[in-house]
Amino acid sequence: MDMAKKTILASSIALLISLQACSGGSSGPAAPTPGVGGSYLHVSVPDFYFGTRDVGTQATQSIEITNRGGDIYPIKHIQVTGDHSDEFTTDFYDEIVLQPAEAIKLDVSFKPVTDGRKYAALDIDFDTIKQVTDAENQHEQNYYRARDLEKTGEYEQSLEAYDQYIQGKPVTKNKQTAAIKAPVLKEAALYGDGEDFDLYLNAMNARQSGELDRAVADLDAFELLHGDSYLADDAAYMRAYIDLIDRKDYAAAEKSMKQLRTKYPDSNYYDTALYSEGLAHQEMGNRQLARNIFEDLKYRHTGLEAFGVELAKDNIVSRMWFDRAEQALAALDG
């Protein structure tokens, strides 16, 4: 959208923080929960409560500020205000622009210098760059409702919310995440949601939040503990996908994709793994090996070959992979 046509509305919200410092004694209650100023910025913790801290010591807590709408929020300044603002700091230094579905983490540190109960406010100063309608912003909240239900283990209700979100008009990248989550939750409805499902879901969420080491650790544990699970090939593919896409470790990805095809020859991921294996070889400069793999993929989905003409099998999946293989081969020739 042309920036000149966007409307910029100046606004700010205040996040109350409960701070307390004393050399001894009991602590008081947290401050009231604040609002969010009518925006779709969501703050993960409505208030901080540091408890009783010794004078001269320091404690740090983190919050996450998420853009849960389809508009853009340039965050211009975050500061602590109040009579005791000199007793704590934040790690926010420069202006940051939160695109839809993006989040930032903010550390707030409290270092009391005198005894007594301390209260302050965290002021978040931001602009709103309007991109979508109010109805579209409201619809995006179905995704977060689904995610919250998922976190509490209410998988059936979570699936309903994801489906409602997908069937509407998603306007952020959350639609890709929902499209991945919904089939997994449907499988759980059919086969159960035991420890294997929880571990797989944890790995999926860790990867989506950028915590790749934790995701890989969960997937390694999954392979060790649940090698016979109905999700075993899903976990194997996610592990290989992390190597290919997130870490760009093409040698590891090629090995993992080949292992997936060997161990799970009937997996729905077989063609995806074969194609990904070709991409890994291509990235490593093994053009002939990549060509051989793409030729194999094309052959798997060829239904008719005569007079130098090859046609895909007459089904949607085969036509898709036939076309992707041809495109990959053409790219190698280009």
Protein backbone atom coordinates (compact mmCIF):
# COMPACT_ATOMS: atom_id res chain seq x y z
CA MET A 1 0.00 0.00 0.00
CA ASP A 2 1.25 3.49 -0.82
CA MET A 3 2.61 5.06 2.35
CA ALA A 4 1.14 8.39 1.35
CA LYS A 5 -2.33 6.94 1.60
CA LYS A 6 -1.91 5.54 5.10
CA THR A 7 -3.37 7.32 8.08
CA ILE A 8 -1.04 7.87 11.03
CA LEU A 9 -2.67 8.30 14.43
CA ALA A 10 -0.50 9.33 17.38
CA SER A 11 -1.30 7.50 20.62
CA SER A 12 0.27 5.97 23.69
CA ILE A 13 -0.49 3.47 26.39
CA ALA A 14 0.71 3.17 29.96
CA LEU A 15 1.66 -0.15 31.47
CA LEU A 16 1.57 -0.11 35.26
CA ILE A 17 4.49 -1.79 36.97
CA SER A 18 4.54 -2.76 40.61
CA LEU A 19 7.97 -2.19 42.15
CA GLN A 20 8.99 -2.68 45.73
CA ALA A 21 12.25 -2.32 47.58
CA CYS A 22 13.09 -2.74 51.20
CA SER A 23 15.80 -4.22 53.32
CA GLY A 24 13.30 -6.51 55.00
CA GLY A 25 9.58 -7.12 55.51
CA SER A 26 6.70 -8.30 53.34
CA SER A 27 5.67 -7.29 49.87
CA GLY A 28 2.45 -5.66 48.68
CA PRO A 29 -0.05 -6.44 45.92
CA ALA A 30 0.49 -5.79 42.23
CA ALA A 31 -0.80 -2.68 40.51
CA PRO A 32 -4.09 -2.77 38.56
CA THR A 33 -4.17 -4.26 35.07
CA PRO A 34 -3.93 -1.54 32.40
CA GLY A 35 -5.70 -1.27 29.07
CA VAL A 36 -4.00 -1.11 25.68
CA GLY A 37 -5.24 2.23 24.45
CA GLY A 38 -7.65 0.85 21.86
CA SER A 39 -4.83 -0.60 19.75
CA TYR A 40 -4.08 -4.20 18.81
CA LEU A 41 -0.78 -4.11 20.63
CA HIS A 42 -0.84 -6.86 23.22
CA VAL A 43 1.40 -6.83 26.29
CA SER A 44 2.14 -10.27 27.70
CA VAL A 45 2.34 -9.12 31.33
CA PRO A 46 -0.11 -6.46 32.49
CA ASP A 47 1.98 -5.62 35.53
CA PHE A 48 5.30 -6.44 37.12
CA TYR A 49 5.69 -7.46 40.71
CA PHE A 50 9.29 -7.81 41.83
CA GLY A 51 8.48 -8.77 45.39
CA THR A 52 10.81 -7.81 48.22
CA ARG A 53 14.27 -6.85 46.96
CA ASP A 54 17.33 -5.84 48.96
CA VAL A 55 18.59 -2.33 48.40
CA GLY A 56 21.46 -2.38 45.92
CA THR A 57 20.44 -5.64 44.24
CA GLN A 58 18.98 -5.89 40.76
CA ALA A 59 16.19 -8.02 39.29
CA THR A 60 15.06 -8.24 35.69
CA GLN A 61 11.78 -9.35 34.17
CA SER A 62 10.74 -9.60 30.52
CA ILE A 63 7.58 -8.75 28.66
CA GLU A 64 6.59 -9.39 25.08
CA ILE A 65 4.78 -6.74 23.04
CA THR A 66 2.92 -8.30 20.12
CA ASN A 67 1.14 -6.73 17.18
CA ARG A 68 -2.04 -8.81 17.08
CA GLY A 69 -3.69 -6.81 14.31
CA GLY A 70 -3.20 -6.08 10.65
CA ASP A 71 -2.01 -2.50 11.08
CA ILE A 72 1.58 -1.34 11.58
CA TYR A 73 2.80 0.11 14.88
CA PRO A 74 5.99 2.18 14.92
CA ILE A 75 7.03 2.15 18.58
CA LYS A 76 8.79 5.45 19.09
CA HIS A 77 9.72 5.39 22.74
CA ILE A 78 9.39 3.26 25.85
CA GLN A 79 10.24 4.76 29.20
CA VAL A 80 9.47 4.35 32.86
CA THR A 81 7.78 7.29 34.51
CA GLY A 82 6.92 8.14 38.08
CA ASP A 83 8.58 9.20 41.30
CA HIS A 84 10.93 6.21 41.34
CA SER A 85 11.79 5.97 37.67
CA ASP A 86 15.51 6.31 38.42
CA GLU A 87 15.47 2.92 40.14
CA PHE A 88 14.90 0.84 37.05
CA THR A 89 15.81 0.67 33.37
CA THR A 90 14.64 -0.91 30.14
CA ASP A 91 16.66 -2.23 27.20
CA PHE A 92 14.65 -0.29 24.62
CA TYR A 93 16.90 2.19 22.83
CA ASP A 94 15.84 2.79 19.25
CA GLU A 95 12.51 3.15 17.47
CA ILE A 96 11.19 -0.14 16.14
CA VAL A 97 8.37 -0.86 13.73
CA LEU A 98 6.10 -3.77 14.61
CA GLN A 99 4.62 -5.32 11.49
CA PRO A 100 1.46 -7.47 11.76
CA ALA A 101 2.04 -10.65 13.81
CA GLU A 102 5.49 -9.48 14.93
CA ALA A 103 6.64 -9.16 18.54
CA ILE A 104 9.50 -7.73 20.56
CA LYS A 105 10.80 -8.70 23.97
CA LEU A 106 11.61 -6.01 26.48
CA ASP A 107 13.61 -6.41 29.69
CA VAL A 108 12.79 -4.21 32.66
CA SER A 109 15.35 -4.11 35.47
CA PHE A 110 14.69 -2.90 39.00
CA LYS A 111 17.53 -1.78 41.26
CA PRO A 112 16.23 -0.21 44.49
CA VAL A 113 18.34 2.50 46.08
CA THR A 114 16.12 3.20 49.11
CA ASP A 115 13.68 1.27 51.29
CA GLY A 116 9.94 1.42 50.76
CA ARG A 117 7.17 0.47 48.39
CA LYS A 118 7.75 1.68 44.83
CA TYR A 119 5.26 2.07 41.97
CA ALA A 120 5.85 3.33 38.46
CA ALA A 121 4.43 3.20 34.94
CA LEU A 122 5.93 1.92 31.71
CA ASP A 123 4.83 4.30 28.95
CA ILE A 124 4.81 2.92 25.41
CA ASP A 125 4.58 5.68 22.81
CA PHE A 126 3.57 4.46 19.37
CA ASP A 127 1.88 5.44 16.13
CA THR A 128 -0.75 3.46 14.23
CA ILE A 129 -0.40 3.08 10.47
CA LYS A 130 -3.81 1.89 9.31
CA GLN A 131 -3.75 -0.88 6.71
CA VAL A 132 -6.88 -2.94 7.26
CA THR A 133 -10.47 -2.53 8.35
CA ASP A 134 -11.72 -2.88 11.91
CA ALA A 135 -13.50 -6.10 10.89
CA GLU A 136 -10.24 -7.57 9.57
CA ASN A 137 -8.45 -6.62 12.77
CA GLN A 138 -11.20 -8.28 14.78
CA HIS A 139 -10.96 -11.42 12.66
CA GLU A 140 -7.25 -11.71 13.42
CA GLN A 141 -8.13 -12.19 17.09
CA ASN A 142 -9.54 -15.63 16.25
CA TYR A 143 -6.00 -16.77 15.60
CA TYR A 144 -4.81 -15.66 19.03
CA ARG A 145 -7.88 -17.19 20.67
CA ALA A 146 -7.00 -20.47 18.94
CA ARG A 147 -3.39 -20.22 20.09
CA ASP A 148 -4.40 -19.51 23.69
CA LEU A 149 -6.76 -22.51 23.68
CA GLU A 150 -3.97 -24.65 22.27
CA LYS A 151 -1.62 -23.56 25.08
CA THR A 152 -4.13 -24.70 27.70
CA GLY A 153 -4.58 -28.09 26.00
CA GLU A 154 -8.11 -27.41 24.79
CA TYR A 155 -7.28 -28.82 21.37
CA GLU A 156 -10.79 -29.40 20.06
CA GLN A 157 -11.82 -25.81 20.76
CA SER A 158 -8.49 -24.62 19.40
CA LEU A 159 -9.08 -26.46 16.13
CA GLU A 160 -12.51 -24.86 15.80
CA ALA A 161 -10.98 -21.41 16.30
CA TYR A 162 -8.19 -22.09 13.77
CA ASP A 163 -10.76 -23.32 11.24
CA GLN A 164 -12.89 -20.23 11.83
CA TYR A 165 -9.83 -18.07 11.28
CA ILE A 166 -8.76 -19.88 8.09
CA GLN A 167 -12.28 -19.82 6.60
CA GLY A 168 -12.57 -16.08 7.14
CA LYS A 169 -10.27 -13.49 5.60
CA PRO A 170 -6.87 -13.61 7.33
CA VAL A 171 -4.70 -10.58 6.57
CA THR A 172 -1.41 -11.50 8.28
CA LYS A 173 1.22 -14.21 8.05
CA ASN A 174 -0.65 -16.01 10.83
CA LYS A 175 -2.69 -17.70 8.09
CA GLN A 176 0.33 -19.85 7.19
CA THR A 177 0.79 -20.90 10.79
CA ALA A 178 -2.91 -21.69 11.18
CA ALA A 179 -2.83 -23.74 7.97
CA ILE A 180 -0.03 -25.86 9.46
CA LYS A 181 -1.55 -26.16 12.93
CA ALA A 182 -5.07 -27.18 11.88
CA PRO A 183 -4.11 -30.50 10.18
CA VAL A 184 -1.95 -31.47 13.18
CA LEU A 185 -4.82 -30.83 15.56
CA LYS A 186 -7.14 -32.84 13.30
CA GLU A 187 -4.72 -35.76 13.46
CA ALA A 188 -4.73 -35.49 17.24
CA ALA A 189 -8.53 -35.73 17.19
CA LEU A 190 -8.22 -39.00 15.27
CA TYR A 191 -5.20 -40.63 16.91
CA GLY A 192 -4.97 -39.01 20.31
CA ASP A 193 -3.08 -36.18 21.96
CA GLY A 194 -0.68 -37.93 24.30
CA GLU A 195 2.92 -37.14 25.21
CA ASP A 196 4.07 -37.59 21.61
CA PHE A 197 1.63 -34.95 20.42
CA ASP A 198 2.58 -32.52 23.18
CA LEU A 199 6.28 -32.90 22.40
CA TYR A 200 5.72 -32.43 18.67
CA LEU A 201 3.55 -29.36 19.28
CA ASN A 202 6.19 -27.91 21.60
CA ALA A 203 8.80 -28.34 18.88
CA MET A 204 6.53 -26.70 16.31
CA ASN A 205 5.87 -23.71 18.56
CA ALA A 206 9.56 -23.37 19.45
CA ARG A 207 10.52 -23.27 15.77
CA GLN A 208 7.85 -20.69 14.99
CA SER A 209 9.14 -18.45 17.78
CA GLY A 210 12.71 -18.75 16.47
CA GLU A 211 13.97 -21.01 19.28
CA LEU A 212 15.65 -23.49 16.94
CA ASP A 213 17.87 -25.18 19.52
CA ARG A 214 14.87 -25.94 21.72
CA ALA A 215 12.88 -27.18 18.72
CA VAL A 216 15.70 -29.53 17.67
CA ALA A 217 16.09 -30.80 21.25
CA ASP A 218 12.37 -31.60 21.38
CA LEU A 219 12.52 -33.36 18.01
CA ASP A 220 15.56 -35.39 19.06
CA ALA A 221 13.68 -36.41 22.21
CA PHE A 222 10.65 -37.27 20.08
CA GLU A 223 12.70 -39.59 17.88
CA LEU A 224 14.17 -41.30 20.94
CA LEU A 225 10.92 -41.71 22.88
CA HIS A 226 8.22 -41.94 20.21
CA GLY A 227 9.78 -43.50 17.14
CA ASP A 228 6.60 -45.50 16.46
CA SER A 229 4.21 -42.55 16.81
CA TYR A 230 1.82 -41.56 14.05
CA LEU A 231 3.68 -38.24 14.10
CA ALA A 232 7.14 -39.78 13.63
CA ASP A 233 7.42 -38.81 9.96
CA ASP A 234 6.08 -35.32 10.75
CA ALA A 235 8.82 -34.89 13.36
CA ALA A 236 11.48 -36.22 10.99
CA TYR A 237 10.39 -33.79 8.28
CA MET A 238 10.37 -30.82 10.66
CA ARG A 239 13.90 -31.71 11.77
CA ALA A 240 15.10 -31.82 8.17
CA TYR A 241 13.18 -28.66 7.28
CA ILE A 242 14.96 -26.75 10.06
CA ASP A 243 18.29 -27.78 8.57
CA LEU A 244 17.22 -26.79 5.05
CA ILE A 245 15.30 -23.56 5.58
CA ASP A 246 16.22 -22.15 8.98
CA ARG A 247 19.85 -23.16 9.37
CA LYS A 248 20.72 -23.55 5.69
CA ASP A 249 22.82 -26.58 6.59
CA TYR A 250 22.33 -28.23 3.21
CA ALA A 251 24.53 -31.25 3.88
CA ALA A 252 22.56 -32.09 7.02
CA ALA A 253 19.26 -31.43 5.22
CA GLU A 254 20.17 -33.73 2.33
CA LYS A 255 21.05 -36.51 4.77
CA SER A 256 17.89 -36.00 6.86
CA MET A 257 15.58 -35.93 3.83
CA LYS A 258 17.10 -39.13 2.48
CA GLN A 259 16.73 -40.82 5.87
CA LEU A 260 13.08 -39.77 5.99
CA ARG A 261 12.38 -41.33 2.58
CA THR A 262 14.18 -44.53 3.53
CA LYS A 263 12.56 -44.93 6.95
CA TYR A 264 9.06 -43.80 5.93
CA PRO A 265 8.59 -44.79 2.26
CA ASP A 266 4.80 -44.44 2.55
CA SER A 267 4.90 -41.02 4.18
CA ASN A 268 2.95 -38.13 2.75
CA TYR A 269 6.24 -36.24 2.99
CA TYR A 270 8.04 -38.54 0.54
CA ASP A 271 7.74 -36.25 -2.49
CA THR A 272 8.44 -33.15 -0.42
CA ALA A 273 11.56 -34.80 0.99
CA LEU A 274 12.71 -35.87 -2.48
CA TYR A 275 12.24 -32.36 -3.83
CA SER A 276 13.99 -30.83 -0.80
CA GLU A 277 16.87 -33.26 -1.23
CA GLY A 278 17.29 -31.98 -4.78
CA LEU A 279 17.25 -28.38 -3.56
CA ALA A 280 19.93 -29.20 -0.97
CA HIS A 281 22.19 -30.69 -3.65
CA GLN A 282 21.57 -27.68 -5.87
CA GLU A 283 22.59 -25.30 -3.07
CA MET A 284 25.76 -27.33 -2.48
CA GLY A 285 26.66 -27.08 -6.16
CA ASN A 286 25.93 -30.73 -6.94
CA ARG A 287 23.99 -29.88 -10.05
CA GLN A 288 24.03 -33.35 -11.64
CA LEU A 289 22.81 -35.01 -8.44
CA ALA A 290 20.09 -32.37 -8.17
CA ARG A 291 19.11 -33.02 -11.77
CA ASN A 292 18.87 -36.77 -11.16
CA ILE A 293 16.60 -36.23 -8.17
CA PHE A 294 14.30 -33.82 -9.98
CA GLU A 295 14.10 -36.29 -12.88
CA ASP A 296 13.11 -39.03 -10.42
CA LEU A 297 10.43 -36.78 -8.94
CA LYS A 298 9.07 -36.00 -12.38
CA TYR A 299 9.07 -39.68 -13.37
CA ARG A 300 7.14 -40.63 -10.20
CA HIS A 301 4.30 -38.41 -11.38
CA THR A 302 4.44 -39.02 -15.12
CA GLY A 303 1.30 -40.68 -16.42
CA LEU A 304 1.95 -40.69 -20.16
CA GLU A 305 5.12 -40.62 -22.22
CA ALA A 306 4.92 -40.89 -26.00
CA PHE A 307 6.57 -39.28 -29.00
CA GLY A 308 8.79 -37.20 -26.73
CA VAL A 309 5.86 -35.79 -24.80
CA GLU A 310 5.45 -36.37 -21.07
CA LEU A 311 2.21 -35.70 -19.22
CA ALA A 312 1.48 -35.81 -15.51
CA LYS A 313 -0.81 -38.37 -13.93
CA ASP A 314 -4.40 -37.21 -13.78
CA ASN A 315 -4.62 -36.05 -10.17
CA ILE A 316 -3.95 -32.76 -8.43
CA VAL A 317 -0.97 -33.95 -6.38
CA SER A 318 0.84 -35.49 -9.34
CA ARG A 319 0.23 -32.47 -11.53
CA MET A 320 1.68 -30.24 -8.82
CA TRP A 321 4.85 -32.29 -8.34
CA PHE A 322 5.27 -32.87 -12.07
CA ASP A 323 5.17 -29.11 -12.64
CA ARG A 324 7.52 -28.35 -9.74
CA ALA A 325 10.03 -30.91 -11.01
CA GLU A 326 9.91 -29.41 -14.50
CA GLN A 327 10.41 -25.93 -13.08
CA ALA A 328 13.38 -27.12 -11.02
CA LEU A 329 14.95 -28.74 -14.07
CA ALA A 330 14.40 -25.59 -16.11
CA ALA A 331 16.08 -23.54 -13.38
CA LEU A 332 19.13 -25.81 -13.57
CA ASP A 333 19.28 -25.23 -17.34
CA GLY A 334 18.82 -21.48 -17.00
